[in-house]
Amino acid sequence: MRIKNGFELREICGENVILSHGMDNIDFSKIISLNDTAAFLWKKASGKDFDEDKLVAALLETYDVEENTARQDVRQVIAKWKEIGLLEA
């Protein structure tokens, strides 16, 4: 899977948010806020093909976390991104 073109991660007022390119005026009802873990995963997935295992491995390499916890977090993030239409197969 891959993150769809046209979306980017930005930090605004200390918050990690996903914005759509080409927005003439920012519509704050369409901004997607990410916690630090989701923002980390976005950076790891951005611009390339990825799968659950690659993102889990990235968490395990960077954070002191158990594999089951990392996998659960990745699954939740991917499910949310799919739900709101940020991913393509």
PDB file of N, CA and C in Angstrom:
ATOM      1  N   MET A   1       0.837  -1.174   0.000  1.00  0.00           N
ATOM      2  CA  MET A   1       0.000   0.000   0.000  1.00  0.00           C
ATOM      3  C   MET A   1       0.877   1.231   0.000  1.00  0.00           C
ATOM      4  N   ARG A   2       0.250   2.367  -0.236  1.00  0.00           N
ATOM      5  CA  ARG A   2       0.973   3.622  -0.380  1.00  0.00           C
ATOM      6  C   ARG A   2       0.072   4.775   0.051  1.00  0.00           C
ATOM      7  N   ILE A   3       0.690   5.817   0.612  1.00  0.00           N
ATOM      8  CA  ILE A   3      -0.058   7.022   0.938  1.00  0.00           C
ATOM      9  C   ILE A   3      -0.376   7.724  -0.382  1.00  0.00           C
ATOM     10  N   LYS A   4      -1.615   8.150  -0.544  1.00  0.00           N
ATOM     11  CA  LYS A   4      -2.022   8.832  -1.770  1.00  0.00           C
ATOM     12  C   LYS A   4      -1.241  10.114  -1.964  1.00  0.00           C
ATOM     13  N   ASN A   5      -0.992  10.447  -3.212  1.00  0.00           N
ATOM     14  CA  ASN A   5      -0.355  11.722  -3.537  1.00  0.00           C
ATOM     15  C   ASN A   5      -1.264  12.865  -3.112  1.00  0.00           C
ATOM     16  N   GLY A   6      -0.667  13.975  -2.766  1.00  0.00           N
ATOM     17  CA  GLY A   6      -1.447  15.155  -2.449  1.00  0.00           C
ATOM     18  C   GLY A   6      -1.633  15.405  -0.967  1.00  0.00           C
ATOM     19  N   PHE A   7      -1.072  14.551  -0.136  1.00  0.00           N
ATOM     20  CA  PHE A   7      -1.169  14.743   1.311  1.00  0.00           C
ATOM     21  C   PHE A   7       0.228  14.898   1.889  1.00  0.00           C
ATOM     22  N   GLU A   8       0.361  15.769   2.874  1.00  0.00           N
ATOM     23  CA  GLU A   8       1.657  15.932   3.510  1.00  0.00           C
ATOM     24  C   GLU A   8       1.495  16.200   5.000  1.00  0.00           C
ATOM     25  N   LEU A   9       2.515  15.805   5.738  1.00  0.00           N
ATOM     26  CA  LEU A   9       2.566  16.013   7.181  1.00  0.00           C
ATOM     27  C   LEU A   9       3.199  17.375   7.442  1.00  0.00           C
ATOM     28  N   ARG A  10       2.563  18.146   8.287  1.00  0.00           N
ATOM     29  CA  ARG A  10       3.106  19.439   8.703  1.00  0.00           C
ATOM     30  C   ARG A  10       2.938  19.572  10.210  1.00  0.00           C
ATOM     31  N   GLU A  11       3.793  20.379  10.805  1.00  0.00           N
ATOM     32  CA  GLU A  11       3.617  20.719  12.219  1.00  0.00           C
ATOM     33  C   GLU A  11       3.046  22.132  12.273  1.00  0.00           C
ATOM     34  N   ILE A  12       1.886  22.254  12.887  1.00  0.00           N
ATOM     35  CA  ILE A  12       1.212  23.543  13.024  1.00  0.00           C
ATOM     36  C   ILE A  12       0.889  23.740  14.496  1.00  0.00           C
ATOM     37  N   CYS A  13       1.422  24.796  15.060  1.00  0.00           N
ATOM     38  CA  CYS A  13       1.194  25.119  16.479  1.00  0.00           C
ATOM     39  C   CYS A  13       1.509  23.926  17.378  1.00  0.00           C
ATOM     40  N   GLY A  14       2.590  23.222  17.069  1.00  0.00           N
ATOM     41  CA  GLY A  14       3.010  22.091  17.881  1.00  0.00           C
ATOM     42  C   GLY A  14       2.239  20.807  17.658  1.00  0.00           C
ATOM     43  N   GLU A  15       1.321  20.798  16.690  1.00  0.00           N
ATOM     44  CA  GLU A  15       0.520  19.605  16.379  1.00  0.00           C
ATOM     45  C   GLU A  15       0.953  19.028  15.034  1.00  0.00           C
ATOM     46  N   ASN A  16       1.022  17.703  14.937  1.00  0.00           N
ATOM     47  CA  ASN A  16       1.282  17.028  13.669  1.00  0.00           C
ATOM     48  C   ASN A  16      -0.044  16.898  12.930  1.00  0.00           C
ATOM     49  N   VAL A  17      -0.116  17.468  11.726  1.00  0.00           N
ATOM     50  CA  VAL A  17      -1.362  17.409  10.962  1.00  0.00           C
ATOM     51  C   VAL A  17      -1.072  17.033   9.518  1.00  0.00           C
ATOM     52  N   ILE A  18      -2.048  16.386   8.903  1.00  0.00           N
ATOM     53  CA  ILE A  18      -1.987  16.041   7.496  1.00  0.00           C
ATOM     54  C   ILE A  18      -2.819  17.070   6.744  1.00  0.00           C
ATOM     55  N   LEU A  19      -2.210  17.674   5.734  1.00  0.00           N
ATOM     56  CA  LEU A  19      -2.894  18.643   4.893  1.00  0.00           C
ATOM     57  C   LEU A  19      -2.920  18.135   3.462  1.00  0.00           C
ATOM     58  N   SER A  20      -3.909  18.572   2.730  1.00  0.00           N
ATOM     59  CA  SER A  20      -4.013  18.244   1.320  1.00  0.00           C
ATOM     60  C   SER A  20      -3.349  19.348   0.518  1.00  0.00           C
ATOM     61  N   HIS A  21      -2.507  18.989  -0.449  1.00  0.00           N
ATOM     62  CA  HIS A  21      -1.899  19.972  -1.338  1.00  0.00           C
ATOM     63  C   HIS A  21      -2.993  20.668  -2.132  1.00  0.00           C
ATOM     64  N   GLY A  22      -2.733  21.889  -2.502  1.00  0.00           N
ATOM     65  CA  GLY A  22      -3.656  22.600  -3.354  1.00  0.00           C
ATOM     66  C   GLY A  22      -4.814  23.242  -2.620  1.00  0.00           C
ATOM     67  N   MET A  23      -4.784  23.248  -1.294  1.00  0.00           N
ATOM     68  CA  MET A  23      -5.854  23.904  -0.550  1.00  0.00           C
ATOM     69  C   MET A  23      -5.589  25.402  -0.578  1.00  0.00           C
ATOM     70  N   ASP A  24      -6.438  26.164  -1.256  1.00  0.00           N
ATOM     71  CA  ASP A  24      -6.249  27.614  -1.328  1.00  0.00           C
ATOM     72  C   ASP A  24      -6.409  28.247   0.041  1.00  0.00           C
ATOM     73  N   ASN A  25      -7.437  27.851   0.738  1.00  0.00           N
ATOM     74  CA  ASN A  25      -7.671  28.327   2.093  1.00  0.00           C
ATOM     75  C   ASN A  25      -7.735  27.103   2.988  1.00  0.00           C
ATOM     76  N   ILE A  26      -7.104  27.170   4.126  1.00  0.00           N
ATOM     77  CA  ILE A  26      -7.114  26.021   5.032  1.00  0.00           C
ATOM     78  C   ILE A  26      -8.488  25.884   5.660  1.00  0.00           C
ATOM     79  N   ASP A  27      -9.084  24.718   5.475  1.00  0.00           N
ATOM     80  CA  ASP A  27     -10.361  24.384   6.099  1.00  0.00           C
ATOM     81  C   ASP A  27     -10.028  23.487   7.285  1.00  0.00           C
ATOM     82  N   PHE A  28     -10.063  24.039   8.490  1.00  0.00           N
ATOM     83  CA  PHE A  28      -9.629  23.296   9.669  1.00  0.00           C
ATOM     84  C   PHE A  28     -10.526  22.107   9.980  1.00  0.00           C
ATOM     85  N   SER A  29     -11.698  22.000   9.364  1.00  0.00           N
ATOM     86  CA  SER A  29     -12.541  20.822   9.570  1.00  0.00           C
ATOM     87  C   SER A  29     -12.008  19.629   8.778  1.00  0.00           C
ATOM     88  N   LYS A  30     -11.074  19.869   7.840  1.00  0.00           N
ATOM     89  CA  LYS A  30     -10.531  18.799   7.007  1.00  0.00           C
ATOM     90  C   LYS A  30      -9.072  18.479   7.324  1.00  0.00           C
ATOM     91  N   ILE A  31      -8.566  19.012   8.412  1.00  0.00           N
ATOM     92  CA  ILE A  31      -7.197  18.719   8.821  1.00  0.00           C
ATOM     93  C   ILE A  31      -7.211  17.491   9.719  1.00  0.00           C
ATOM     94  N   ILE A  32      -6.283  16.591   9.470  1.00  0.00           N
ATOM     95  CA  ILE A  32      -6.197  15.344  10.222  1.00  0.00           C
ATOM     96  C   ILE A  32      -5.023  15.458  11.186  1.00  0.00           C
ATOM     97  N   SER A  33      -5.300  15.347  12.468  1.00  0.00           N
ATOM     98  CA  SER A  33      -4.275  15.454  13.497  1.00  0.00           C
ATOM     99  C   SER A  33      -3.702  14.068  13.795  1.00  0.00           C
ATOM    100  N   LEU A  34      -2.379  13.995  13.939  1.00  0.00           N
ATOM    101  CA  LEU A  34      -1.710  12.733  14.241  1.00  0.00           C
ATOM    102  C   LEU A  34      -0.957  12.846  15.558  1.00  0.00           C
ATOM    103  N   ASN A  35      -1.009  11.778  16.359  1.00  0.00           N
ATOM    104  CA  ASN A  35      -0.169  11.760  17.550  1.00  0.00           C
ATOM    105  C   ASN A  35       1.275  11.487  17.106  1.00  0.00           C
ATOM    106  N   ASP A  36       2.204  11.499  18.041  1.00  0.00           N
ATOM    107  CA  ASP A  36       3.617  11.354  17.690  1.00  0.00           C
ATOM    108  C   ASP A  36       3.921  10.022  17.005  1.00  0.00           C
ATOM    109  N   THR A  37       3.296   8.943  17.458  1.00  0.00           N
ATOM    110  CA  THR A  37       3.530   7.627  16.852  1.00  0.00           C
ATOM    111  C   THR A  37       3.014   7.603  15.424  1.00  0.00           C
ATOM    112  N   ALA A  38       1.804   8.096  15.195  1.00  0.00           N
ATOM    113  CA  ALA A  38       1.235   8.115  13.854  1.00  0.00           C
ATOM    114  C   ALA A  38       2.060   9.011  12.926  1.00  0.00           C
ATOM    115  N   ALA A  39       2.565  10.128  13.441  1.00  0.00           N
ATOM    116  CA  ALA A  39       3.409  11.012  12.634  1.00  0.00           C
ATOM    117  C   ALA A  39       4.720  10.307  12.267  1.00  0.00           C
ATOM    118  N   PHE A  40       5.299   9.577  13.209  1.00  0.00           N
ATOM    119  CA  PHE A  40       6.509   8.802  12.937  1.00  0.00           C
ATOM    120  C   PHE A  40       6.244   7.790  11.827  1.00  0.00           C
ATOM    121  N   LEU A  41       5.113   7.075  11.930  1.00  0.00           N
ATOM    122  CA  LEU A  41       4.769   6.076  10.921  1.00  0.00           C
ATOM    123  C   LEU A  41       4.513   6.727   9.564  1.00  0.00           C
ATOM    124  N   TRP A  42       3.877   7.893   9.560  1.00  0.00           N
ATOM    125  CA  TRP A  42       3.636   8.620   8.306  1.00  0.00           C
ATOM    126  C   TRP A  42       4.968   8.929   7.615  1.00  0.00           C
ATOM    127  N   LYS A  43       5.926   9.404   8.393  1.00  0.00           N
ATOM    128  CA  LYS A  43       7.236   9.736   7.826  1.00  0.00           C
ATOM    129  C   LYS A  43       7.908   8.492   7.252  1.00  0.00           C
ATOM    130  N   LYS A  44       7.775   7.371   7.922  1.00  0.00           N
ATOM    131  CA  LYS A  44       8.373   6.123   7.440  1.00  0.00           C
ATOM    132  C   LYS A  44       7.684   5.609   6.179  1.00  0.00           C
ATOM    133  N   ALA A  45       6.382   5.870   6.033  1.00  0.00           N
ATOM    134  CA  ALA A  45       5.602   5.358   4.909  1.00  0.00           C
ATOM    135  C   ALA A  45       5.553   6.320   3.728  1.00  0.00           C
ATOM    136  N   SER A  46       5.793   7.572   3.970  1.00  0.00           N
ATOM    137  CA  SER A  46       5.609   8.607   2.953  1.00  0.00           C
ATOM    138  C   SER A  46       6.534   8.406   1.756  1.00  0.00           C
ATOM    139  N   GLY A  47       5.936   8.438   0.560  1.00  0.00           N
ATOM    140  CA  GLY A  47       6.707   8.379  -0.672  1.00  0.00           C
ATOM    141  C   GLY A  47       7.179   7.013  -1.100  1.00  0.00           C
ATOM    142  N   LYS A  48       6.693   5.968  -0.442  1.00  0.00           N
ATOM    143  CA  LYS A  48       7.126   4.617  -0.836  1.00  0.00           C
ATOM    144  C   LYS A  48       6.048   3.596  -0.502  1.00  0.00           C
ATOM    145  N   ASP A  49       6.192   2.423  -1.096  1.00  0.00           N
ATOM    146  CA  ASP A  49       5.288   1.319  -0.761  1.00  0.00           C
ATOM    147  C   ASP A  49       5.657   0.807   0.617  1.00  0.00           C
ATOM    148  N   PHE A  50       4.628   0.413   1.367  1.00  0.00           N
ATOM    149  CA  PHE A  50       4.879  -0.116   2.711  1.00  0.00           C
ATOM    150  C   PHE A  50       3.823  -1.149   3.033  1.00  0.00           C
ATOM    151  N   ASP A  51       4.090  -1.904   4.068  1.00  0.00           N
ATOM    152  CA  ASP A  51       3.104  -2.835   4.598  1.00  0.00           C
ATOM    153  C   ASP A  51       3.204  -2.810   6.122  1.00  0.00           C
ATOM    154  N   GLU A  52       2.332  -3.536   6.749  1.00  0.00           N
ATOM    155  CA  GLU A  52       2.284  -3.565   8.216  1.00  0.00           C
ATOM    156  C   GLU A  52       3.631  -3.962   8.803  1.00  0.00           C
ATOM    157  N   ASP A  53       4.245  -4.998   8.248  1.00  0.00           N
ATOM    158  CA  ASP A  53       5.511  -5.502   8.794  1.00  0.00           C
ATOM    159  C   ASP A  53       6.620  -4.458   8.746  1.00  0.00           C
ATOM    160  N   LYS A  54       6.687  -3.667   7.663  1.00  0.00           N
ATOM    161  CA  LYS A  54       7.725  -2.634   7.565  1.00  0.00           C
ATOM    162  C   LYS A  54       7.540  -1.563   8.632  1.00  0.00           C
ATOM    163  N   LEU A  55       6.297  -1.188   8.880  1.00  0.00           N
ATOM    164  CA  LEU A  55       6.047  -0.157   9.886  1.00  0.00           C
ATOM    165  C   LEU A  55       6.278  -0.696  11.299  1.00  0.00           C
ATOM    166  N   VAL A  56       5.920  -1.943  11.532  1.00  0.00           N
ATOM    167  CA  VAL A  56       6.187  -2.558  12.839  1.00  0.00           C
ATOM    168  C   VAL A  56       7.693  -2.595  13.073  1.00  0.00           C
ATOM    169  N   ALA A  57       8.457  -3.007  12.063  1.00  0.00           N
ATOM    170  CA  ALA A  57       9.920  -3.063  12.190  1.00  0.00           C
ATOM    171  C   ALA A  57      10.492  -1.685  12.505  1.00  0.00           C
ATOM    172  N   ALA A  58       9.951  -0.642  11.879  1.00  0.00           N
ATOM    173  CA  ALA A  58      10.430   0.723  12.138  1.00  0.00           C
ATOM    174  C   ALA A  58      10.189   1.117  13.590  1.00  0.00           C
ATOM    175  N   LEU A  59       9.012   0.777  14.121  1.00  0.00           N
ATOM    176  CA  LEU A  59       8.730   1.071  15.532  1.00  0.00           C
ATOM    177  C   LEU A  59       9.679   0.319  16.452  1.00  0.00           C
ATOM    178  N   LEU A  60       9.904  -0.958  16.164  1.00  0.00           N
ATOM    179  CA  LEU A  60      10.762  -1.784  17.013  1.00  0.00           C
ATOM    180  C   LEU A  60      12.214  -1.299  16.989  1.00  0.00           C
ATOM    181  N   GLU A  61      12.669  -0.796  15.832  1.00  0.00           N
ATOM    182  CA  GLU A  61      14.037  -0.292  15.720  1.00  0.00           C
ATOM    183  C   GLU A  61      14.237   1.016  16.476  1.00  0.00           C
ATOM    184  N   THR A  62      13.176   1.795  16.613  1.00  0.00           N
ATOM    185  CA  THR A  62      13.296   3.147  17.141  1.00  0.00           C
ATOM    186  C   THR A  62      12.854   3.273  18.595  1.00  0.00           C
ATOM    187  N   TYR A  63      11.844   2.508  18.976  1.00  0.00           N
ATOM    188  CA  TYR A  63      11.255   2.645  20.308  1.00  0.00           C
ATOM    189  C   TYR A  63      11.403   1.370  21.118  1.00  0.00           C
ATOM    190  N   ASP A  64      11.423   1.518  22.407  1.00  0.00           N
ATOM    191  CA  ASP A  64      11.438   0.382  23.322  1.00  0.00           C
ATOM    192  C   ASP A  64      10.003  -0.063  23.540  1.00  0.00           C
ATOM    193  N   VAL A  65       9.525  -0.919  22.645  1.00  0.00           N
ATOM    194  CA  VAL A  65       8.136  -1.357  22.660  1.00  0.00           C
ATOM    195  C   VAL A  65       8.088  -2.840  22.302  1.00  0.00           C
ATOM    196  N   GLU A  66       7.127  -3.538  22.860  1.00  0.00           N
ATOM    197  CA  GLU A  66       6.961  -4.960  22.546  1.00  0.00           C
ATOM    198  C   GLU A  66       6.342  -5.104  21.164  1.00  0.00           C
ATOM    199  N   GLU A  67       6.677  -6.190  20.486  1.00  0.00           N
ATOM    200  CA  GLU A  67       6.189  -6.388  19.122  1.00  0.00           C
ATOM    201  C   GLU A  67       4.667  -6.403  19.044  1.00  0.00           C
ATOM    202  N   ASN A  68       3.998  -7.044  19.989  1.00  0.00           N
ATOM    203  CA  ASN A  68       2.530  -7.085  19.952  1.00  0.00           C
ATOM    204  C   ASN A  68       1.930  -5.688  20.061  1.00  0.00           C
ATOM    205  N   THR A  69       2.510  -4.859  20.916  1.00  0.00           N
ATOM    206  CA  THR A  69       2.032  -3.483  21.070  1.00  0.00           C
ATOM    207  C   THR A  69       2.278  -2.689  19.793  1.00  0.00           C
ATOM    208  N   ALA A  70       3.467  -2.839  19.226  1.00  0.00           N
ATOM    209  CA  ALA A  70       3.793  -2.138  17.977  1.00  0.00           C
ATOM    210  C   ALA A  70       2.850  -2.559  16.861  1.00  0.00           C
ATOM    211  N   ARG A  71       2.592  -3.848  16.744  1.00  0.00           N
ATOM    212  CA  ARG A  71       1.712  -4.354  15.684  1.00  0.00           C
ATOM    213  C   ARG A  71       0.286  -3.825  15.865  1.00  0.00           C
ATOM    214  N   GLN A  72      -0.185  -3.806  17.086  1.00  0.00           N
ATOM    215  CA  GLN A  72      -1.529  -3.295  17.357  1.00  0.00           C
ATOM    216  C   GLN A  72      -1.618  -1.805  16.993  1.00  0.00           C
ATOM    217  N   ASP A  73      -0.605  -1.036  17.360  1.00  0.00           N
ATOM    218  CA  ASP A  73      -0.589   0.388  17.029  1.00  0.00           C
ATOM    219  C   ASP A  73      -0.582   0.606  15.517  1.00  0.00           C
ATOM    220  N   VAL A  74       0.261  -0.142  14.804  1.00  0.00           N
ATOM    221  CA  VAL A  74       0.339  -0.012  13.350  1.00  0.00           C
ATOM    222  C   VAL A  74      -0.994  -0.376  12.708  1.00  0.00           C
ATOM    223  N   ARG A  75      -1.611  -1.447  13.158  1.00  0.00           N
ATOM    224  CA  ARG A  75      -2.914  -1.851  12.595  1.00  0.00           C
ATOM    225  C   ARG A  75      -3.963  -0.770  12.787  1.00  0.00           C
ATOM    226  N   GLN A  76      -3.973  -0.151  13.957  1.00  0.00           N
ATOM    227  CA  GLN A  76      -4.948   0.915  14.226  1.00  0.00           C
ATOM    228  C   GLN A  76      -4.705   2.120  13.324  1.00  0.00           C
ATOM    229  N   VAL A  77      -3.454   2.493  13.156  1.00  0.00           N
ATOM    230  CA  VAL A  77      -3.122   3.648  12.325  1.00  0.00           C
ATOM    231  C   VAL A  77      -3.490   3.363  10.866  1.00  0.00           C
ATOM    232  N   ILE A  78      -3.103   2.209  10.360  1.00  0.00           N
ATOM    233  CA  ILE A  78      -3.415   1.858   8.967  1.00  0.00           C
ATOM    234  C   ILE A  78      -4.928   1.818   8.756  1.00  0.00           C
ATOM    235  N   ALA A  79      -5.650   1.235   9.686  1.00  0.00           N
ATOM    236  CA  ALA A  79      -7.111   1.160   9.570  1.00  0.00           C
ATOM    237  C   ALA A  79      -7.724   2.558   9.512  1.00  0.00           C
ATOM    238  N   LYS A  80      -7.234   3.457  10.329  1.00  0.00           N
ATOM    239  CA  LYS A  80      -7.757   4.833  10.338  1.00  0.00           C
ATOM    240  C   LYS A  80      -7.417   5.534   9.030  1.00  0.00           C
ATOM    241  N   TRP A  81      -6.186   5.377   8.557  1.00  0.00           N
ATOM    242  CA  TRP A  81      -5.800   6.004   7.293  1.00  0.00           C
ATOM    243  C   TRP A  81      -6.658   5.480   6.145  1.00  0.00           C
ATOM    244  N   LYS A  82      -6.952   4.171   6.140  1.00  0.00           N
ATOM    245  CA  LYS A  82      -7.827   3.611   5.107  1.00  0.00           C
ATOM    246  C   LYS A  82      -9.229   4.193   5.223  1.00  0.00           C
ATOM    247  N   GLU A  83      -9.719   4.256   6.429  1.00  0.00           N
ATOM    248  CA  GLU A  83     -11.081   4.764   6.688  1.00  0.00           C
ATOM    249  C   GLU A  83     -11.273   6.178   6.143  1.00  0.00           C
ATOM    250  N   ILE A  84     -10.276   7.017   6.302  1.00  0.00           N
ATOM    251  CA  ILE A  84     -10.434   8.405   5.873  1.00  0.00           C
ATOM    252  C   ILE A  84      -9.876   8.656   4.473  1.00  0.00           C
ATOM    253  N   GLY A  85      -9.452   7.594   3.792  1.00  0.00           N
ATOM    254  CA  GLY A  85      -9.087   7.705   2.389  1.00  0.00           C
ATOM    255  C   GLY A  85      -7.705   8.221   2.089  1.00  0.00           C
ATOM    256  N   LEU A  86      -6.742   7.979   2.977  1.00  0.00           N
ATOM    257  CA  LEU A  86      -5.380   8.453   2.751  1.00  0.00           C
ATOM    258  C   LEU A  86      -4.504   7.442   2.028  1.00  0.00           C
ATOM    259  N   LEU A  87      -4.974   6.202   1.890  1.00  0.00           N
ATOM    260  CA  LEU A  87      -4.131   5.141   1.298  1.00  0.00           C
ATOM    261  C   LEU A  87      -4.690   4.638  -0.017  1.00  0.00           C
ATOM    262  N   GLU A  88      -3.765   4.167  -0.850  1.00  0.00           N
ATOM    263  CA  GLU A  88      -4.146   3.446  -2.059  1.00  0.00           C
ATOM    264  C   GLU A  88      -3.465   2.092  -2.007  1.00  0.00           C
ATOM    265  N   ALA A  89      -4.078   1.141  -2.665  1.00  0.00           N
ATOM    266  CA  ALA A  89      -3.548  -0.240  -2.621  1.00  0.00           C
ATOM    267  C   ALA A  89      -2.307  -0.388  -3.458  1.00  0.00           C
TER     268      ALA A  89
END
